[in-house]
PDB file of all heavy atoms in Angstrom:
ATOM      1  N   GLU A   1      85.716  93.332 119.450  1.00  0.00           N
ATOM      2  CA  GLU A   1      87.056  92.767 119.535  1.00  0.00           C
ATOM      3  C   GLU A   1      87.473  92.276 118.141  1.00  0.00           C
ATOM      4  O   GLU A   1      86.624  92.044 117.271  1.00  0.00           O
ATOM      5  CB  GLU A   1      87.071  91.605 120.527  1.00  0.00           C
ATOM      6  CG  GLU A   1      86.776  92.006 121.966  1.00  0.00           C
ATOM      7  CD  GLU A   1      87.842  92.931 122.526  1.00  0.00           C
ATOM      8  OE1 GLU A   1      89.045  92.697 122.228  1.00  0.00           O
ATOM      9  OE2 GLU A   1      87.495  93.891 123.230  1.00  0.00           O
ATOM     10  N   PRO A   2      88.794  92.120 117.912  1.00  0.00           N
ATOM     11  CA  PRO A   2      89.258  91.734 116.567  1.00  0.00           C
ATOM     12  C   PRO A   2      88.587  90.480 116.013  1.00  0.00           C
ATOM     13  O   PRO A   2      88.182  90.462 114.846  1.00  0.00           O
ATOM     14  CB  PRO A   2      90.764  91.520 116.773  1.00  0.00           C
ATOM     15  CG  PRO A   2      91.120  92.412 117.917  1.00  0.00           C
ATOM     16  CD  PRO A   2      89.934  92.402 118.825  1.00  0.00           C
ATOM     17  N   ALA A   3      88.453  89.442 116.828  1.00  0.00           N
ATOM     18  CA  ALA A   3      87.870  88.190 116.323  1.00  0.00           C
ATOM     19  C   ALA A   3      86.430  88.397 115.878  1.00  0.00           C
ATOM     20  O   ALA A   3      86.007  87.874 114.836  1.00  0.00           O
ATOM     21  CB  ALA A   3      87.950  87.108 117.402  1.00  0.00           C
ATOM     22  N   LEU A   4      85.667  89.160 116.665  1.00  0.00           N
ATOM     23  CA  LEU A   4      84.274  89.408 116.309  1.00  0.00           C
ATOM     24  C   LEU A   4      84.178  90.280 115.057  1.00  0.00           C
ATOM     25  O   LEU A   4      83.338  90.034 114.177  1.00  0.00           O
ATOM     26  CB  LEU A   4      83.543  90.081 117.480  1.00  0.00           C
ATOM     27  CG  LEU A   4      82.062  90.383 117.272  1.00  0.00           C
ATOM     28  CD1 LEU A   4      81.287  89.119 116.935  1.00  0.00           C
ATOM     29  CD2 LEU A   4      81.474  91.061 118.501  1.00  0.00           C
ATOM     30  N   GLU A   5      85.064  91.272 114.957  1.00  0.00           N
ATOM     31  CA  GLU A   5      85.018  92.135 113.776  1.00  0.00           C
ATOM     32  C   GLU A   5      85.403  91.363 112.513  1.00  0.00           C
ATOM     33  O   GLU A   5      84.827  91.577 111.441  1.00  0.00           O
ATOM     34  CB  GLU A   5      85.933  93.350 113.953  1.00  0.00           C
ATOM     35  CG  GLU A   5      85.741  94.403 112.878  1.00  0.00           C
ATOM     36  CD  GLU A   5      86.237  95.775 113.284  1.00  0.00           C
ATOM     37  OE1 GLU A   5      87.032  95.878 114.243  1.00  0.00           O
ATOM     38  OE2 GLU A   5      85.824  96.758 112.645  1.00  0.00           O
ATOM     39  N   GLN A   6      86.347  90.439 112.640  1.00  0.00           N
ATOM     40  CA  GLN A   6      86.687  89.591 111.499  1.00  0.00           C
ATOM     41  C   GLN A   6      85.483  88.742 111.078  1.00  0.00           C
ATOM     42  O   GLN A   6      85.232  88.554 109.882  1.00  0.00           O
ATOM     43  CB  GLN A   6      87.860  88.673 111.858  1.00  0.00           C
ATOM     44  CG  GLN A   6      89.203  89.372 111.932  1.00  0.00           C
ATOM     45  CD  GLN A   6      90.337  88.399 112.190  1.00  0.00           C
ATOM     46  OE1 GLN A   6      90.349  87.296 111.656  1.00  0.00           O
ATOM     47  NE2 GLN A   6      91.286  88.802 113.026  1.00  0.00           N
ATOM     48  N   GLN A   7      84.745  88.261 112.058  1.00  0.00           N
ATOM     49  CA  GLN A   7      83.563  87.460 111.752  1.00  0.00           C
ATOM     50  C   GLN A   7      82.503  88.306 111.043  1.00  0.00           C
ATOM     51  O   GLN A   7      81.831  87.837 110.118  1.00  0.00           O
ATOM     52  CB  GLN A   7      83.002  86.865 113.050  1.00  0.00           C
ATOM     53  CG  GLN A   7      81.945  85.802 112.831  1.00  0.00           C
ATOM     54  CD  GLN A   7      81.474  85.195 114.144  1.00  0.00           C
ATOM     55  OE1 GLN A   7      82.031  85.478 115.210  1.00  0.00           O
ATOM     56  NE2 GLN A   7      80.443  84.371 114.070  1.00  0.00           N
ATOM     57  N   ILE A   8      82.368  89.562 111.479  1.00  0.00           N
ATOM     58  CA  ILE A   8      81.406  90.471 110.837  1.00  0.00           C
ATOM     59  C   ILE A   8      81.797  90.712 109.385  1.00  0.00           C
ATOM     60  O   ILE A   8      80.963  90.655 108.477  1.00  0.00           O
ATOM     61  CB  ILE A   8      81.331  91.799 111.619  1.00  0.00           C
ATOM     62  CG1 ILE A   8      80.720  91.577 113.000  1.00  0.00           C
ATOM     63  CG2 ILE A   8      80.508  92.833 110.839  1.00  0.00           C
ATOM     64  CD1 ILE A   8      80.826  92.774 113.929  1.00  0.00           C
ATOM     65  N   VAL A   9      83.084  90.987 109.160  1.00  0.00           N
ATOM     66  CA  VAL A   9      83.556  91.228 107.794  1.00  0.00           C
ATOM     67  C   VAL A   9      83.364  89.977 106.944  1.00  0.00           C
ATOM     68  O   VAL A   9      82.951  90.056 105.779  1.00  0.00           O
ATOM     69  CB  VAL A   9      85.036  91.670 107.804  1.00  0.00           C
ATOM     70  CG1 VAL A   9      85.578  91.761 106.372  1.00  0.00           C
ATOM     71  CG2 VAL A   9      85.187  93.017 108.500  1.00  0.00           C
ATOM     72  N   ALA A  10      83.635  88.817 107.513  1.00  0.00           N
ATOM     73  CA  ALA A  10      83.472  87.569 106.763  1.00  0.00           C
ATOM     74  C   ALA A  10      82.020  87.359 106.355  1.00  0.00           C
ATOM     75  O   ALA A  10      81.733  86.820 105.280  1.00  0.00           O
ATOM     76  CB  ALA A  10      83.960  86.395 107.606  1.00  0.00           C
ATOM     77  N   THR A  11      81.086  87.807 107.197  1.00  0.00           N
ATOM     78  CA  THR A  11      79.664  87.659 106.887  1.00  0.00           C
ATOM     79  C   THR A  11      79.222  88.649 105.824  1.00  0.00           C
ATOM     80  O   THR A  11      78.481  88.306 104.905  1.00  0.00           O
ATOM     81  CB  THR A  11      78.824  87.862 108.162  1.00  0.00           C
ATOM     82  OG1 THR A  11      79.208  86.873 109.134  1.00  0.00           O
ATOM     83  CG2 THR A  11      77.341  87.716 107.876  1.00  0.00           C
ATOM     84  N   ARG A  12      79.686  89.896 105.946  1.00  0.00           N
ATOM     85  CA  ARG A  12      79.241  90.951 105.031  1.00  0.00           C
ATOM     86  C   ARG A  12      80.022  90.969 103.715  1.00  0.00           C
ATOM     87  O   ARG A  12      79.472  91.351 102.678  1.00  0.00           O
ATOM     88  CB  ARG A  12      79.348  92.310 105.726  1.00  0.00           C
ATOM     89  CG  ARG A  12      78.408  92.483 106.917  1.00  0.00           C
ATOM     90  CD  ARG A  12      76.961  92.276 106.507  1.00  0.00           C
ATOM     91  NE  ARG A  12      76.036  92.462 107.604  1.00  0.00           N
ATOM     92  CZ  ARG A  12      75.430  93.614 107.872  1.00  0.00           C
ATOM     93  NH1 ARG A  12      75.661  94.672 107.103  1.00  0.00           N
ATOM     94  NH2 ARG A  12      74.592  93.706 108.886  1.00  0.00           N
ATOM     95  N   VAL A  13      81.298  90.598 103.763  1.00  0.00           N
ATOM     96  CA  VAL A  13      82.124  90.609 102.548  1.00  0.00           C
ATOM     97  C   VAL A  13      82.860  89.268 102.468  1.00  0.00           C
ATOM     98  O   VAL A  13      84.083  89.192 102.677  1.00  0.00           O
ATOM     99  CB  VAL A  13      83.125  91.781 102.545  1.00  0.00           C
ATOM    100  CG1 VAL A  13      83.671  92.028 101.138  1.00  0.00           C
ATOM    101  CG2 VAL A  13      82.509  93.062 103.078  1.00  0.00           C
ATOM    102  N   PRO A  14      82.140  88.194 102.198  1.00  0.00           N
ATOM    103  CA  PRO A  14      82.748  86.858 102.253  1.00  0.00           C
ATOM    104  C   PRO A  14      83.841  86.627 101.212  1.00  0.00           C
ATOM    105  O   PRO A  14      84.668  85.720 101.367  1.00  0.00           O
ATOM    106  CB  PRO A  14      81.549  85.921 102.008  1.00  0.00           C
ATOM    107  CG  PRO A  14      80.524  86.757 101.317  1.00  0.00           C
ATOM    108  CD  PRO A  14      80.711  88.141 101.854  1.00  0.00           C
ATOM    109  N   GLU A  15      83.883  87.453 100.160  1.00  0.00           N
ATOM    110  CA  GLU A  15      84.884  87.256  99.112  1.00  0.00           C
ATOM    111  C   GLU A  15      86.302  87.639  99.551  1.00  0.00           C
ATOM    112  O   GLU A  15      87.285  87.236  98.925  1.00  0.00           O
ATOM    113  CB  GLU A  15      84.518  88.077  97.863  1.00  0.00           C
ATOM    114  CG  GLU A  15      83.160  87.735  97.263  1.00  0.00           C
ATOM    115  CD  GLU A  15      82.029  88.519  97.913  1.00  0.00           C
ATOM    116  OE1 GLU A  15      82.288  89.246  98.900  1.00  0.00           O
ATOM    117  OE2 GLU A  15      80.890  88.416  97.412  1.00  0.00           O
ATOM    118  N   VAL A  16      86.424  88.419 100.620  1.00  0.00           N
ATOM    119  CA  VAL A  16      87.745  88.832 101.105  1.00  0.00           C
ATOM    120  C   VAL A  16      88.446  87.635 101.739  1.00  0.00           C
ATOM    121  O   VAL A  16      87.854  86.907 102.533  1.00  0.00           O
ATOM    122  CB  VAL A  16      87.608  89.984 102.121  1.00  0.00           C
ATOM    123  CG1 VAL A  16      88.941  90.267 102.797  1.00  0.00           C
ATOM    124  CG2 VAL A  16      87.111  91.242 101.430  1.00  0.00           C
ATOM    125  N   SER A  17      89.712  87.437 101.399  1.00  0.00           N
ATOM    126  CA  SER A  17      90.466  86.303 101.932  1.00  0.00           C
ATOM    127  C   SER A  17      90.669  86.440 103.437  1.00  0.00           C
ATOM    128  O   SER A  17      90.643  87.554 103.985  1.00  0.00           O
ATOM    129  CB  SER A  17      91.824  86.198 101.240  1.00  0.00           C
ATOM    130  OG  SER A  17      92.647  87.299 101.597  1.00  0.00           O
ATOM    131  N   ALA A  18      90.898  85.324 104.103  1.00  0.00           N
ATOM    132  CA  ALA A  18      91.097  85.326 105.551  1.00  0.00           C
ATOM    133  C   ALA A  18      92.320  86.149 105.938  1.00  0.00           C
ATOM    134  O   ALA A  18      92.318  86.876 106.943  1.00  0.00           O
ATOM    135  CB  ALA A  18      91.233  83.896 106.057  1.00  0.00           C
ATOM    136  N   ALA A  19      93.390  86.058 105.120  1.00  0.00           N
ATOM    137  CA  ALA A  19      94.617  86.798 105.430  1.00  0.00           C
ATOM    138  C   ALA A  19      94.385  88.305 105.356  1.00  0.00           C
ATOM    139  O   ALA A  19      94.777  89.061 106.262  1.00  0.00           O
ATOM    140  CB  ALA A  19      95.729  86.384 104.471  1.00  0.00           C
ATOM    141  N   LEU A  20      93.745  88.754 104.291  1.00  0.00           N
ATOM    142  CA  LEU A  20      93.475  90.191 104.155  1.00  0.00           C
ATOM    143  C   LEU A  20      92.495  90.651 105.227  1.00  0.00           C
ATOM    144  O   LEU A  20      92.625  91.763 105.754  1.00  0.00           O
ATOM    145  CB  LEU A  20      92.913  90.487 102.764  1.00  0.00           C
ATOM    146  CG  LEU A  20      92.565  91.960 102.483  1.00  0.00           C
ATOM    147  CD1 LEU A  20      93.781  92.845 102.665  1.00  0.00           C
ATOM    148  CD2 LEU A  20      91.971  92.127 101.084  1.00  0.00           C
ATOM    149  N   ARG A  21      91.538  89.811 105.549  1.00  0.00           N
ATOM    150  CA  ARG A  21      90.569  90.155 106.588  1.00  0.00           C
ATOM    151  C   ARG A  21      91.270  90.408 107.922  1.00  0.00           C
ATOM    152  O   ARG A  21      90.975  91.365 108.626  1.00  0.00           O
ATOM    153  CB  ARG A  21      89.534  89.035 106.710  1.00  0.00           C
ATOM    154  CG  ARG A  21      88.393  89.362 107.637  1.00  0.00           C
ATOM    155  CD  ARG A  21      87.243  88.374 107.454  1.00  0.00           C
ATOM    156  NE  ARG A  21      87.626  87.003 107.747  1.00  0.00           N
ATOM    157  CZ  ARG A  21      87.626  86.002 106.877  1.00  0.00           C
ATOM    158  NH1 ARG A  21      87.287  86.211 105.624  1.00  0.00           N
ATOM    159  NH2 ARG A  21      87.975  84.783 107.242  1.00  0.00           N
ATOM    160  N   ARG A  22      92.209  89.543 108.274  1.00  0.00           N
ATOM    161  CA  ARG A  22      92.951  89.737 109.534  1.00  0.00           C
ATOM    162  C   ARG A  22      93.732  91.042 109.499  1.00  0.00           C
ATOM    163  O   ARG A  22      93.773  91.791 110.484  1.00  0.00           O
ATOM    164  CB  ARG A  22      93.906  88.563 109.761  1.00  0.00           C
ATOM    165  CG  ARG A  22      93.236  87.282 110.213  1.00  0.00           C
ATOM    166  CD  ARG A  22      94.259  86.280 110.726  1.00  0.00           C
ATOM    167  NE  ARG A  22      95.217  85.903 109.682  1.00  0.00           N
ATOM    168  CZ  ARG A  22      95.044  84.903 108.832  1.00  0.00           C
ATOM    169  NH1 ARG A  22      93.940  84.178 108.898  1.00  0.00           N
ATOM    170  NH2 ARG A  22      95.965  84.618 107.925  1.00  0.00           N
ATOM    171  N   GLN A  23      94.363  91.325 108.360  1.00  0.00           N
ATOM    172  CA  GLN A  23      95.191  92.528 108.260  1.00  0.00           C
ATOM    173  C   GLN A  23      94.362  93.805 108.340  1.00  0.00           C
ATOM    174  O   GLN A  23      94.714  94.738 109.068  1.00  0.00           O
ATOM    175  CB  GLN A  23      95.984  92.494 106.948  1.00  0.00           C
ATOM    176  CG  GLN A  23      97.055  91.433 106.896  1.00  0.00           C
ATOM    177  CD  GLN A  23      97.753  91.377 105.552  1.00  0.00           C
ATOM    178  OE1 GLN A  23      97.495  92.201 104.664  1.00  0.00           O
ATOM    179  NE2 GLN A  23      98.652  90.409 105.376  1.00  0.00           N
ATOM    180  N   LEU A  24      93.269  93.853 107.593  1.00  0.00           N
ATOM    181  CA  LEU A  24      92.496  95.101 107.565  1.00  0.00           C
ATOM    182  C   LEU A  24      91.812  95.359 108.902  1.00  0.00           C
ATOM    183  O   LEU A  24      91.693  96.507 109.343  1.00  0.00           O
ATOM    184  CB  LEU A  24      91.504  95.106 106.403  1.00  0.00           C
ATOM    185  CG  LEU A  24      90.289  94.176 106.397  1.00  0.00           C
ATOM    186  CD1 LEU A  24      89.095  94.792 107.092  1.00  0.00           C
ATOM    187  CD2 LEU A  24      89.918  93.803 104.962  1.00  0.00           C
ATOM    188  N   VAL A  25      91.362  94.289 109.578  1.00  0.00           N
ATOM    189  CA  VAL A  25      90.769  94.472 110.894  1.00  0.00           C
ATOM    190  C   VAL A  25      91.824  94.926 111.897  1.00  0.00           C
ATOM    191  O   VAL A  25      91.570  95.812 112.722  1.00  0.00           O
ATOM    192  CB  VAL A  25      90.075  93.174 111.372  1.00  0.00           C
ATOM    193  CG1 VAL A  25      89.739  93.246 112.863  1.00  0.00           C
ATOM    194  CG2 VAL A  25      88.815  92.918 110.556  1.00  0.00           C
ATOM    195  N   ALA A  26      93.009  94.358 111.842  1.00  0.00           N
ATOM    196  CA  ALA A  26      94.092  94.775 112.740  1.00  0.00           C
ATOM    197  C   ALA A  26      94.452  96.235 112.507  1.00  0.00           C
ATOM    198  O   ALA A  26      94.718  96.985 113.461  1.00  0.00           O
ATOM    199  CB  ALA A  26      95.317  93.886 112.527  1.00  0.00           C
TER     200      ALA A  26
END
């Protein structure tokens, strides 16, 4: 799900901003 995938990206690529993370996962 989007929330879980955002959490995965945050763990693996923590340098990506929260805003960009939401956009790329969406």
